[in-house]
């Protein structure tokens, strides 16, 4: 990222990160989605952290990205 900024070149396409955070009963839940400007989902991640036991589970959802000549 630093090299891209120094050279004024964008190596990665623009992306958006959307998420929800919930904190209840000493548990933190995070659900995030990484998408491009056309709302094509590139990645989905769920994180569940028990703040008492300090154990965290991370789930990366499987996504298939299809490329065509137009897209």
Protein backbone atom coordinates (compact mmCIF):
# COMPACT_ATOMS: atom_id res chain seq x y z
CA UNK A 1 0.00 0.00 0.00
CA UNK A 2 2.81 2.37 0.87
CA UNK A 3 4.54 1.79 -2.48
CA UNK A 4 1.28 2.42 -4.33
CA UNK A 5 0.80 5.71 -2.50
CA UNK A 6 4.38 6.82 -3.13
CA UNK A 7 4.10 6.08 -6.85
CA UNK A 8 0.58 7.51 -7.13
CA UNK A 9 -0.60 4.22 -8.60
CA UNK A 10 -3.56 2.29 -7.32
CA UNK A 11 -2.61 -1.39 -7.27
CA UNK A 12 -5.83 -2.64 -5.70
CA UNK A 13 -9.35 -1.78 -6.88
CA UNK A 14 -11.56 0.32 -4.58
CA UNK A 15 -13.45 -1.67 -1.96
CA UNK A 16 -16.06 -1.01 0.72
CA UNK A 17 -16.15 -2.59 4.17
CA UNK A 18 -19.55 -2.88 5.87
CA UNK A 19 -20.06 -4.36 9.30
CA UNK A 20 -22.14 -4.80 12.41
CA UNK A 21 -20.85 -4.91 15.96
CA UNK A 22 -22.79 -6.33 18.93
CA UNK A 23 -21.68 -6.39 22.54
CA UNK A 24 -23.86 -8.35 24.97
CA UNK A 25 -23.24 -10.70 27.90
CA UNK A 26 -19.46 -10.27 27.71
CA UNK A 27 -19.46 -11.39 24.07
CA UNK A 28 -18.42 -9.30 21.08
CA UNK A 29 -19.85 -10.31 17.71
CA UNK A 30 -18.62 -8.72 14.48
CA UNK A 31 -20.04 -9.43 11.02
CA UNK A 32 -18.26 -7.79 8.09
CA UNK A 33 -18.58 -7.77 4.31
CA UNK A 34 -15.92 -6.61 1.87
CA UNK A 35 -17.41 -5.54 -1.48
CA UNK A 36 -16.42 -3.65 -4.59
CA UNK A 37 -18.24 -0.46 -5.71
CA UNK A 38 -20.71 -2.61 -7.68
CA UNK A 39 -21.75 -4.45 -4.48
CA UNK A 40 -20.14 -7.70 -5.56
CA UNK A 41 -19.22 -9.45 -2.31
CA UNK A 42 -15.52 -10.29 -2.19
CA UNK A 43 -15.33 -11.62 1.38
CA UNK A 44 -17.50 -12.16 4.44
CA UNK A 45 -16.07 -12.61 7.92
CA UNK A 46 -17.74 -13.31 11.27
CA UNK A 47 -15.86 -12.87 14.54
CA UNK A 48 -17.15 -14.01 17.94
CA UNK A 49 -15.06 -13.11 20.98
CA UNK A 50 -15.76 -14.18 24.54
CA UNK A 51 -14.35 -11.33 26.61
CA UNK A 52 -14.24 -13.40 29.81
CA UNK A 53 -12.34 -16.44 28.52
CA UNK A 54 -10.53 -14.37 25.86
CA UNK A 55 -11.29 -16.98 23.20
CA UNK A 56 -12.13 -15.86 19.69
CA UNK A 57 -13.66 -17.70 16.76
CA UNK A 58 -13.27 -16.37 13.23
CA UNK A 59 -15.34 -17.66 10.31
CA UNK A 60 -14.40 -16.79 6.74
CA UNK A 61 -17.30 -17.49 4.40
CA UNK A 62 -16.45 -19.21 1.12
CA UNK A 63 -17.05 -16.94 -1.88
CA UNK A 64 -16.60 -17.75 -5.56
CA UNK A 65 -15.70 -14.79 -7.73
CA UNK A 66 -16.50 -15.15 -11.42
CA UNK A 67 -14.66 -13.14 -14.05
CA UNK A 68 -16.03 -12.55 -17.54
CA UNK A 69 -14.77 -10.57 -20.52
CA UNK A 70 -17.08 -7.68 -19.60
CA UNK A 71 -16.62 -7.85 -15.85
